[in-house]
Amino acid sequence: MNCPYCNKEMEKGYISDNRRYKMLWLPEGTGFFLRTEKNIKKHNGMIISKSHLLEWDNPVAYACRICKKVIIEYED
């Protein structure tokens, strides 16, 4: 998927959470085992929020590191 802002290729990943960081973006294939900020960054993940914003089941999300945008796919 290309970023609608800069038209560069976006990275496929997932929105997840853990007890400390309430909303994370993790690249596809990293799994949902990351618990520390060091490990999240080591695996190219991003901390999006430190508070719960939504309750959901790890939707697919594409991240543009250039524009700092995350696009989330959802189902009705």
Protein backbone atom coordinates (compact mmCIF):
# COMPACT_ATOMS: atom_id res chain seq x y z
CA MET A 1 0.00 0.00 0.00
CA ASN A 2 1.29 3.48 -0.82
CA CYS A 3 1.03 6.39 1.59
CA PRO A 4 -1.70 8.80 0.47
CA TYR A 5 0.43 11.72 1.71
CA CYS A 6 3.88 11.05 0.16
CA ASN A 7 3.09 8.12 -2.17
CA LYS A 8 5.95 5.99 -0.73
CA GLU A 9 5.48 2.30 0.07
CA MET A 10 4.03 1.74 3.56
CA GLU A 11 4.99 -1.10 5.90
CA LYS A 12 2.37 -3.72 6.73
CA GLY A 13 1.98 -4.50 10.40
CA TYR A 14 -0.55 -4.72 13.21
CA ILE A 15 -1.91 -2.58 16.01
CA SER A 16 -1.40 -4.29 19.35
CA ASP A 17 -1.02 -3.40 23.01
CA ASN A 18 0.62 -4.54 26.19
CA ARG A 19 0.29 -3.58 29.84
CA ARG A 20 2.73 -0.67 29.72
CA TYR A 21 2.13 0.71 26.22
CA LYS A 22 -1.56 0.66 25.42
CA MET A 23 -1.26 1.01 21.65
CA LEU A 24 1.65 -0.25 19.52
CA TRP A 25 2.30 -0.72 15.83
CA LEU A 26 4.34 -3.87 15.15
CA PRO A 27 5.74 -4.89 11.75
CA GLU A 28 4.26 -7.99 10.13
CA GLY A 29 6.04 -11.16 11.26
CA THR A 30 7.38 -9.86 14.59
CA GLY A 31 4.71 -11.48 16.74
CA PHE A 32 3.04 -9.98 19.76
CA PHE A 33 5.69 -10.87 22.35
CA LEU A 34 7.40 -7.50 22.71
CA ARG A 35 7.07 -6.10 26.23
CA THR A 36 9.80 -3.47 26.68
CA GLU A 37 10.45 -0.23 24.82
CA LYS A 38 13.92 -1.55 23.89
CA ASN A 39 12.49 -4.70 22.27
CA ILE A 40 9.70 -2.78 20.53
CA LYS A 41 12.25 -0.44 18.91
CA LYS A 42 14.71 -3.30 18.21
CA HIS A 43 12.01 -4.97 16.08
CA ASN A 44 11.11 -1.65 14.35
CA GLY A 45 7.84 -1.28 16.25
CA MET A 46 6.34 2.05 17.29
CA ILE A 47 4.61 3.16 20.48
CA ILE A 48 1.48 5.01 19.34
CA SER A 49 -0.20 5.73 22.67
CA LYS A 50 0.30 5.06 26.37
CA SER A 51 -3.45 5.02 27.06
CA HIS A 52 -6.21 2.69 25.85
CA LEU A 53 -8.10 4.34 23.00
CA LEU A 54 -9.91 1.39 21.51
CA GLU A 55 -10.77 -2.19 22.35
CA TRP A 56 -10.15 -4.39 19.30
CA ASP A 57 -8.45 -7.51 18.02
CA ASN A 58 -5.15 -6.46 16.39
CA PRO A 59 -6.30 -4.98 13.08
CA VAL A 60 -3.96 -4.78 10.07
CA ALA A 61 -2.27 -1.38 9.89
CA TYR A 62 0.14 0.21 7.40
CA ALA A 63 2.77 2.68 8.64
CA CYS A 64 4.59 5.44 6.76
CA ARG A 65 7.70 6.35 8.72
CA ILE A 66 8.32 9.39 6.49
CA CYS A 67 4.91 11.04 7.13
CA LYS A 68 4.44 9.47 10.58
CA LYS A 69 0.97 8.17 9.57
CA VAL A 70 -0.65 4.83 10.35
CA ILE A 71 -3.62 3.62 8.30
CA ILE A 72 -5.77 0.96 9.95
CA GLU A 73 -8.03 -1.50 8.15
CA TYR A 74 -11.24 -2.42 9.94
CA GLU A 75 -14.32 -4.56 9.45
CA ASP A 76 -17.90 -3.62 10.27
